C-alpha cells in the first residue's frame, strides 16, 4: 500500500491482513498496552470539511503508536483560501509530515493530494465519494458482532437504510462486503436518494442479491444487520429532503416490530439526535443490538493498522509493548453492553 484512497485499492487478502493487524493493535487501542513504533513521526490531519469522530480517531490512532499530530480544519485557515492549489498544499505539507489524512468536500480531491506526494495519504472522506477507513472499521465491527452471535459475514443479509446516494460510508462498505460470497443486500431509500446504479450493478455482477425499496417499514426479521445513515443535508436540494419522511426513522418501535432479536444496528455517526429527526433514534441507547459505540471504539485499532501498514511497521506492533500505567474505566459509557468491556475477560 502506498496510499488508501478507495476500497477499490484493496484485494480481499489485503483487507484481511489489515484487520488482522487491527486485532494485534487492539490491546494498545483498548489502553492495556503502550506502543511507540511511530515515535518521532508526524501526521498531518487536513480536514477541509467538518468532522469530530474521524479527525480525532485518526489523531488518537497515530498518538497511540507514539506519533505526533498537526491539525488544520476548514478552508478559512488554510492557504487554499488564498488560491493555493491542492498540489502545492500537498507538496508543502508533505515536507513537514510523514503521513497525511485528508477530508475534502469534493469527490476526487483526496486523490489529487496523493498524486502530488510520495508521503502516504489516507482518504478521510471525499464528498459523496468514499470513506475507506470507515468501511474497514465497519467490517471489523461486523465481524466482531457476528462472531459474538455465532454468525458469519459470508451469506449475510445486510440492510442499508437512508440517504444511500450521498452517503460515502455505504458506498465504500457495500463494495467491501461484495468481496465476500453469497451476500444479500436490501437497499432502502426515498426516491432520488437511492444507491448509485453503477455501484449496484458492480455488486450484482459479483453474484450478490440486491433488493431495492422505497419503504422502510416492512419486515426485516431475517436481516443480520441494519446499517442506517443520516440525511446528508449539505449535499442535497429541498426536493430531495422532502422525501425523507418520518417513515425512515429507525427507532425502538420499528426495531422491535420489524427486526430480529439478533439484528445488529450500526450507523457511521453523527446521527441527528434532535427531536423529530428521521434518523437512528436515541431511544435505542442501551439496547445490546446497538453497536454504534463499539463501532466508533473499533475505529482506533483499525486506523492504527492503516498507519502501521502504510509506514511499514505492522510487524513491530508486538515488540517493546509495556503495560499502560494509567487507570481507565471498565466500560467507557454507562449504557455500554456487558460484553463491551475494556478490561480483559
Protein backbone atom coordinates (compact mmCIF):
# COMPACT_ATOMS: atom_id res chain seq x y z
CA UNK A 1 0.00 0.00 0.00
CA UNK A 2 1.22 3.46 -0.96
CA UNK A 3 -1.99 5.35 -0.16
CA UNK A 4 -5.50 4.42 0.99
CA UNK A 5 -7.88 6.33 -1.27
CA UNK A 6 -10.63 3.81 -2.02
CA UNK A 7 -11.64 0.30 -1.09
CA UNK A 8 -11.07 -0.40 -4.78
CA UNK A 9 -7.36 -0.27 -3.90
CA UNK A 10 -7.71 -3.34 -1.66
CA UNK A 11 -7.86 -7.00 -2.55
CA UNK A 12 -9.58 -9.29 -0.07
CA UNK A 13 -6.27 -10.66 1.26
CA UNK A 14 -5.09 -7.09 1.91
CA UNK A 15 -8.31 -6.36 3.79
CA UNK A 16 -7.86 -9.47 5.91
CA UNK A 17 -4.24 -8.52 6.63
CA UNK A 18 -5.30 -5.03 7.73
CA UNK A 19 -7.98 -6.42 10.03
CA UNK A 20 -5.51 -8.92 11.48
CA UNK A 21 -3.12 -6.04 12.20
CA UNK A 22 -6.01 -4.18 13.85
CA UNK A 23 -6.58 -7.15 16.15
CA UNK A 24 -2.90 -7.10 17.06
CA UNK A 25 -3.23 -3.38 17.80
CA UNK A 26 -6.34 -3.81 19.92
CA UNK A 27 -4.56 -4.09 23.31
CA UNK A 28 -2.97 -0.71 22.54
CA UNK A 29 -6.22 0.83 21.32
CA UNK A 30 -8.05 -0.54 24.38
CA UNK A 31 -5.49 1.05 26.72
CA UNK A 32 -3.90 -2.08 28.13
CA UNK A 33 -0.55 -1.60 26.39
CA UNK A 34 1.68 1.27 25.27
CA UNK A 35 3.45 1.21 21.89
CA UNK A 36 5.99 3.70 20.49
CA UNK A 37 6.74 2.36 16.99
CA UNK A 38 5.90 5.73 15.40
CA UNK A 39 7.83 7.83 17.89
CA UNK A 40 9.22 10.83 16.02
CA UNK A 41 6.71 10.55 13.15
CA UNK A 42 4.25 13.37 12.44
CA UNK A 43 0.74 13.10 10.99
CA UNK A 44 -0.82 15.94 9.02
CA UNK A 45 -4.59 15.88 9.65
CA UNK A 46 -6.04 18.08 6.88
CA UNK A 47 -9.80 18.41 7.24
CA UNK A 48 -11.47 20.84 4.85
CA UNK A 49 -14.92 19.63 5.93
CA UNK A 50 -16.46 19.38 9.38
CA UNK A 51 -15.51 16.31 11.41
CA UNK A 52 -15.30 15.22 15.01
CA UNK A 53 -15.07 11.42 15.09
CA UNK A 54 -12.93 10.80 12.04
CA UNK A 55 -10.44 13.57 12.77
CA UNK A 56 -9.97 12.65 16.41
CA UNK A 57 -9.97 8.90 15.73
CA UNK A 58 -7.12 9.24 13.24
CA UNK A 59 -5.25 11.52 15.65
CA UNK A 60 -5.75 9.14 18.58
CA UNK A 61 -4.60 6.18 16.47
CA UNK A 62 -1.39 7.94 15.45
CA UNK A 63 -0.70 9.12 19.01
CA UNK A 64 -1.26 5.64 20.46
CA UNK A 65 1.51 4.43 18.17
CA UNK A 66 3.81 7.10 19.61
CA UNK A 67 3.49 9.71 16.86
CA UNK A 68 2.52 13.39 16.95
CA UNK A 69 -0.31 15.14 15.10
CA UNK A 70 -0.62 18.52 13.37
CA UNK A 71 -4.21 19.58 12.60
CA UNK A 72 -5.82 22.03 10.24
CA UNK A 73 -9.57 22.41 9.89
CA UNK A 74 -11.61 24.21 7.25
CA UNK A 75 -10.66 26.35 4.26
CA UNK A 76 -10.71 29.65 6.17
CA UNK A 77 -7.44 28.98 7.97
CA UNK A 78 -5.78 27.26 5.01
CA UNK A 79 -3.56 28.79 2.34
CA UNK A 80 -6.03 27.30 -0.15
CA UNK A 81 -8.25 30.26 0.81
CA UNK A 82 -5.51 32.39 -0.81
CA UNK A 83 -5.76 30.43 -4.04
CA UNK A 84 -3.07 27.82 -3.39
CA UNK A 85 -3.57 24.65 -5.42
CA UNK A 86 -4.15 21.21 -3.95
CA UNK A 87 -0.86 20.05 -5.47
CA UNK A 88 1.12 22.87 -3.83
CA UNK A 89 -0.58 22.33 -0.48
CA UNK A 90 0.10 18.60 -0.60
CA UNK A 91 3.75 19.02 -1.52
CA UNK A 92 4.36 21.66 1.15
CA UNK A 93 2.69 19.72 3.99
CA UNK A 94 4.49 16.56 2.91
CA UNK A 95 7.73 18.35 3.71
CA UNK A 96 6.56 18.59 7.32
CA UNK A 97 4.75 15.30 7.88
CA UNK A 98 5.25 11.55 7.45
CA UNK A 99 1.61 10.77 6.59
CA UNK A 100 -1.47 12.76 5.61
CA UNK A 101 -5.15 12.24 6.29
CA UNK A 102 -7.33 14.42 4.08
CA UNK A 103 -11.06 15.11 4.16
CA UNK A 104 -12.42 17.30 1.37
CA UNK A 105 -15.94 18.16 0.18
CA UNK A 106 -15.13 17.43 -3.48
CA UNK A 107 -15.09 13.88 -4.79
CA UNK A 108 -11.65 13.04 -6.19
CA UNK A 109 -9.83 15.84 -4.35
CA UNK A 110 -8.01 13.48 -1.98
CA UNK A 111 -6.64 11.52 -4.94
CA UNK A 112 -5.29 14.84 -6.23
CA UNK A 113 -3.47 15.32 -2.91
CA UNK A 114 -1.97 11.84 -3.31
CA UNK A 115 -0.73 12.48 -6.86
CA UNK A 116 1.43 15.34 -5.58
CA UNK A 117 3.36 13.38 -2.94
CA UNK A 118 5.12 10.14 -2.10
CA UNK A 119 4.07 10.52 1.55
CA UNK A 120 1.17 8.13 2.37
CA UNK A 121 -2.25 9.76 2.02
CA UNK A 122 -5.43 8.38 3.59
CA UNK A 123 -8.84 9.41 2.31
CA UNK A 124 -10.82 10.66 5.32
CA UNK A 125 -13.87 11.25 3.11
CA UNK A 126 -14.17 12.99 -0.24
CA UNK A 127 -17.62 14.50 -0.73
CA UNK A 128 -20.13 11.85 -1.82
CA UNK A 129 -17.27 9.62 -2.97
CA UNK A 130 -15.75 7.17 -0.49
CA UNK A 131 -14.67 6.71 3.12
CA UNK A 132 -12.41 3.62 3.05
CA UNK A 133 -11.24 3.69 6.67
CA UNK A 134 -14.87 3.83 7.84
CA UNK A 135 -15.70 0.81 5.69
CA UNK A 136 -12.77 -1.11 7.19
CA UNK A 137 -13.78 -0.32 10.76
CA UNK A 138 -17.39 -1.18 9.87
CA UNK A 139 -16.30 -4.57 8.53
CA UNK A 140 -14.15 -5.12 11.61
CA UNK A 141 -17.19 -4.37 13.78
CA UNK A 142 -19.47 -6.61 11.73
CA UNK A 143 -17.04 -9.50 12.09
CA UNK A 144 -16.88 -8.95 15.86
CA UNK A 145 -20.65 -8.64 16.28
CA UNK A 146 -21.40 -11.64 14.09
CA UNK A 147 -18.77 -13.79 15.82
CA UNK A 148 -20.37 -12.96 19.17
CA UNK A 149 -23.72 -14.10 17.76
CA UNK A 150 -22.32 -17.23 16.08
CA UNK A 151 -22.83 -15.82 12.58
CA UNK A 152 -20.60 -15.39 9.54
CA UNK A 153 -20.26 -12.42 7.20
CA UNK A 154 -20.37 -14.62 4.09
CA UNK A 155 -24.00 -15.25 3.20
CA UNK A 156 -25.32 -12.48 5.47
CA UNK A 157 -28.37 -10.29 4.82
CA UNK A 158 -27.39 -6.62 5.07
CA UNK A 159 -29.99 -3.83 5.03
CA UNK A 160 -28.80 -0.29 4.30
CA UNK A 161 -31.25 2.49 5.10
CA UNK A 162 -31.37 6.22 4.42
CA UNK A 163 -29.52 8.57 2.09
CA UNK A 164 -27.69 6.00 0.00
CA UNK A 165 -26.97 8.41 -2.85
CA UNK A 166 -24.73 10.80 -0.90
CA UNK A 167 -23.62 8.51 1.93
CA UNK A 168 -19.97 7.78 1.14
CA UNK A 169 -19.79 5.31 4.04
CA UNK A 170 -22.27 2.94 2.42
CA UNK A 171 -20.59 3.34 -0.99
CA UNK A 172 -17.34 2.02 0.48
CA UNK A 173 -18.92 -0.59 2.75
CA UNK A 174 -21.08 -2.29 0.13
CA UNK A 175 -18.08 -2.60 -2.21
CA UNK A 176 -16.01 -4.09 0.62
CA UNK A 177 -18.77 -6.55 1.54
CA UNK A 178 -19.10 -7.51 -2.13
CA UNK A 179 -15.68 -9.18 -1.79
CA UNK A 180 -17.47 -11.82 0.30
CA UNK A 181 -19.69 -14.59 -1.05
CA UNK A 182 -23.46 -15.08 -1.32
CA UNK A 183 -24.38 -11.71 0.16
CA UNK A 184 -27.92 -10.34 0.15
CA UNK A 185 -28.43 -6.58 0.25
CA UNK A 186 -31.70 -4.74 0.92
CA UNK A 187 -31.27 -1.08 -0.03
CA UNK A 188 -33.97 1.21 1.36
CA UNK A 189 -34.00 4.87 0.35
CA UNK A 190 -36.50 7.61 -0.57
CA UNK A 191 -36.94 8.50 -4.26
CA UNK A 192 -33.88 10.34 -5.52
CA UNK A 193 -31.63 9.11 -2.71
CA UNK A 194 -31.04 5.57 -3.96
CA UNK A 195 -27.65 3.87 -4.11
CA UNK A 196 -25.85 4.94 -7.33
CA UNK A 197 -26.74 2.47 -10.11
CA UNK A 198 -23.07 1.91 -11.03
CA UNK A 199 -22.38 0.58 -7.53
CA UNK A 200 -25.48 -1.64 -7.58
CA UNK A 201 -24.50 -3.03 -10.99
CA UNK A 202 -21.00 -3.79 -9.78
CA UNK A 203 -22.25 -5.60 -6.67
CA UNK A 204 -24.81 -7.58 -8.66
CA UNK A 205 -22.14 -8.54 -11.19
CA UNK A 206 -20.29 -10.26 -8.34
CA UNK A 207 -23.26 -12.60 -7.93
CA UNK A 208 -24.90 -10.98 -4.90
CA UNK A 209 -28.64 -10.42 -4.47
CA UNK A 210 -29.88 -6.81 -4.32
CA UNK A 211 -33.38 -5.70 -3.43
CA UNK A 212 -34.30 -2.01 -3.55
CA UNK A 213 -37.18 -0.45 -1.62
CA UNK A 214 -38.63 2.97 -1.01
CA UNK A 215 -40.43 1.99 2.20
CA UNK A 216 -38.64 1.14 5.43
CA UNK A 217 -41.47 -0.30 7.47
CA UNK A 218 -41.53 -3.76 6.03
CA UNK A 219 -40.28 -6.94 7.59
CA UNK A 220 -36.52 -7.21 8.10
CA UNK A 221 -36.76 -10.10 10.55
CA UNK A 222 -34.09 -12.08 8.71
CA UNK A 223 -31.70 -9.12 8.35
CA UNK A 224 -28.42 -9.76 10.14
CA UNK A 225 -27.51 -6.07 10.07
CA UNK A 226 -29.40 -2.81 9.65
CA UNK A 227 -26.96 -0.04 8.72
CA UNK A 228 -28.66 3.36 8.99
CA UNK A 229 -27.32 6.62 7.57
CA UNK A 230 -28.26 10.21 8.24
CA UNK A 231 -29.68 12.55 5.65
CA UNK A 232 -26.77 14.40 4.01
CA UNK A 233 -28.43 17.82 4.07
CA UNK A 234 -25.27 19.56 2.96
CA UNK A 235 -25.33 17.67 -0.35
CA UNK A 236 -28.97 17.79 -1.41
CA UNK A 237 -31.72 20.06 -2.67
CA UNK A 238 -35.00 20.83 -0.93
CA UNK A 239 -36.86 18.43 -3.22
CA UNK A 240 -34.69 15.54 -2.07
CA UNK A 241 -35.20 16.45 1.57
CA UNK A 242 -38.98 16.29 1.18
CA UNK A 243 -38.81 12.56 0.52
CA UNK A 244 -37.01 11.91 3.78
CA UNK A 245 -40.11 11.44 5.93
CA UNK A 246 -40.55 10.14 9.49
CA UNK A 247 -41.10 6.72 7.92
CA UNK A 248 -37.30 6.47 7.74
CA UNK A 249 -36.82 6.84 11.49
CA UNK A 250 -35.13 3.74 12.91
CA UNK A 251 -36.44 3.67 16.47
CA UNK A 252 -37.18 1.06 19.12
CA UNK A 253 -40.76 0.52 17.91
CA UNK A 254 -39.52 -0.21 14.38
CA UNK A 255 -36.71 -2.47 15.53
CA UNK A 256 -38.88 -4.45 17.96
CA UNK A 257 -41.62 -4.88 15.34
CA UNK A 258 -39.70 -5.39 12.12
CA UNK A 259 -36.25 -6.73 13.05
CA UNK A 260 -34.96 -9.86 14.75
CA UNK A 261 -33.69 -10.25 18.29
CA UNK A 262 -30.14 -10.69 16.97
CA UNK A 263 -30.20 -7.96 14.30
CA UNK A 264 -27.13 -5.73 14.69
CA UNK A 265 -27.76 -1.98 14.42
CA UNK A 266 -25.00 0.24 13.05
CA UNK A 267 -24.60 3.86 11.94
CA UNK A 268 -21.45 5.73 10.83
CA UNK A 269 -22.34 8.76 13.01
CA UNK A 270 -23.00 11.53 13.58
CA UNK A 271 -26.67 10.74 13.95
CA UNK A 272 -29.20 13.54 14.15
CA UNK A 273 -30.49 13.34 17.73
CA UNK A 274 -32.67 16.46 17.57
CA UNK A 275 -36.39 15.99 18.38
CA UNK A 276 -38.29 14.52 15.45
CA UNK A 277 -35.17 13.72 13.44
CA UNK A 278 -35.63 10.94 10.89
CA UNK A 279 -32.51 9.04 11.87
CA UNK A 280 -31.37 6.32 14.24
CA UNK A 281 -33.25 7.14 17.43
CA UNK A 282 -31.72 7.68 20.84
CA UNK A 283 -34.48 5.52 22.35
CA UNK A 284 -32.34 2.55 21.25
CA UNK A 285 -29.49 3.61 23.55
CA UNK A 286 -28.72 0.79 25.95
CA UNK A 287 -30.11 -1.87 23.59
CA UNK A 288 -27.37 -4.53 23.17
CA UNK A 289 -28.19 -4.74 19.46
CA UNK A 290 -26.97 -1.14 19.05
CA UNK A 291 -23.30 -1.36 18.06
CA UNK A 292 -22.59 2.28 17.22
CA UNK A 293 -20.25 2.96 20.13
CA UNK A 294 -18.42 -0.35 19.75
CA UNK A 295 -18.14 0.72 16.11
CA UNK A 296 -16.50 4.07 16.94
CA UNK A 297 -14.16 2.48 19.50
CA UNK A 298 -13.02 -0.04 16.88
CA UNK A 299 -12.02 2.82 14.61
CA UNK A 300 -8.88 3.49 16.65
CA UNK A 301 -7.48 -0.04 16.25
CA UNK A 302 -8.34 -0.13 12.53
CA UNK A 303 -6.75 3.26 11.86
CA UNK A 304 -3.68 2.20 13.83
CA UNK A 305 -3.47 -0.76 11.45
CA UNK A 306 -3.74 1.54 8.44
CA UNK A 307 -0.89 3.75 9.65
CA UNK A 308 1.25 0.79 10.68
CA UNK A 309 0.80 -0.80 7.24
CA UNK A 310 1.36 2.38 5.22
CA UNK A 311 4.51 3.21 7.22
CA UNK A 312 5.82 -0.37 7.22
CA UNK A 313 5.85 -1.08 10.95
CA UNK A 314 2.98 -3.58 11.19
CA UNK A 315 5.40 -6.38 12.14
CA UNK A 316 6.74 -4.30 15.04
CA UNK A 317 3.48 -3.75 16.93
CA UNK A 318 4.11 -6.65 19.30
CA UNK A 319 7.65 -5.55 20.13
CA UNK A 320 8.51 -3.35 23.06
CA UNK A 321 4.99 -3.27 24.46
CA UNK A 322 4.61 -2.24 28.07
CA UNK A 323 1.61 -2.07 30.36
CA UNK A 324 -0.35 1.18 30.38
CA UNK A 325 0.19 2.72 33.82
CA UNK A 326 -2.91 4.91 33.98
CA UNK A 327 -6.34 3.97 35.28
CA UNK A 328 -9.20 3.60 32.84
CA UNK A 329 -12.87 2.64 33.31
CA UNK A 330 -14.05 -0.94 32.90
CA UNK A 331 -16.64 0.36 30.41
CA UNK A 332 -16.46 3.77 28.80
CA UNK A 333 -20.18 4.59 28.70
CA UNK A 334 -22.78 3.97 31.42
CA UNK A 335 -25.09 2.26 28.93
CA UNK A 336 -22.46 0.07 27.25
CA UNK A 337 -23.44 -3.58 26.98
CA UNK A 338 -21.93 -6.03 29.45
CA UNK A 339 -19.85 -7.63 26.71
CA UNK A 340 -18.35 -4.27 25.71
CA UNK A 341 -15.67 -4.05 28.38
CA UNK A 342 -12.18 -2.61 28.18
CA UNK A 343 -10.73 -4.92 30.79
CA UNK A 344 -9.63 -8.46 29.85
CA UNK A 345 -12.37 -11.06 30.16
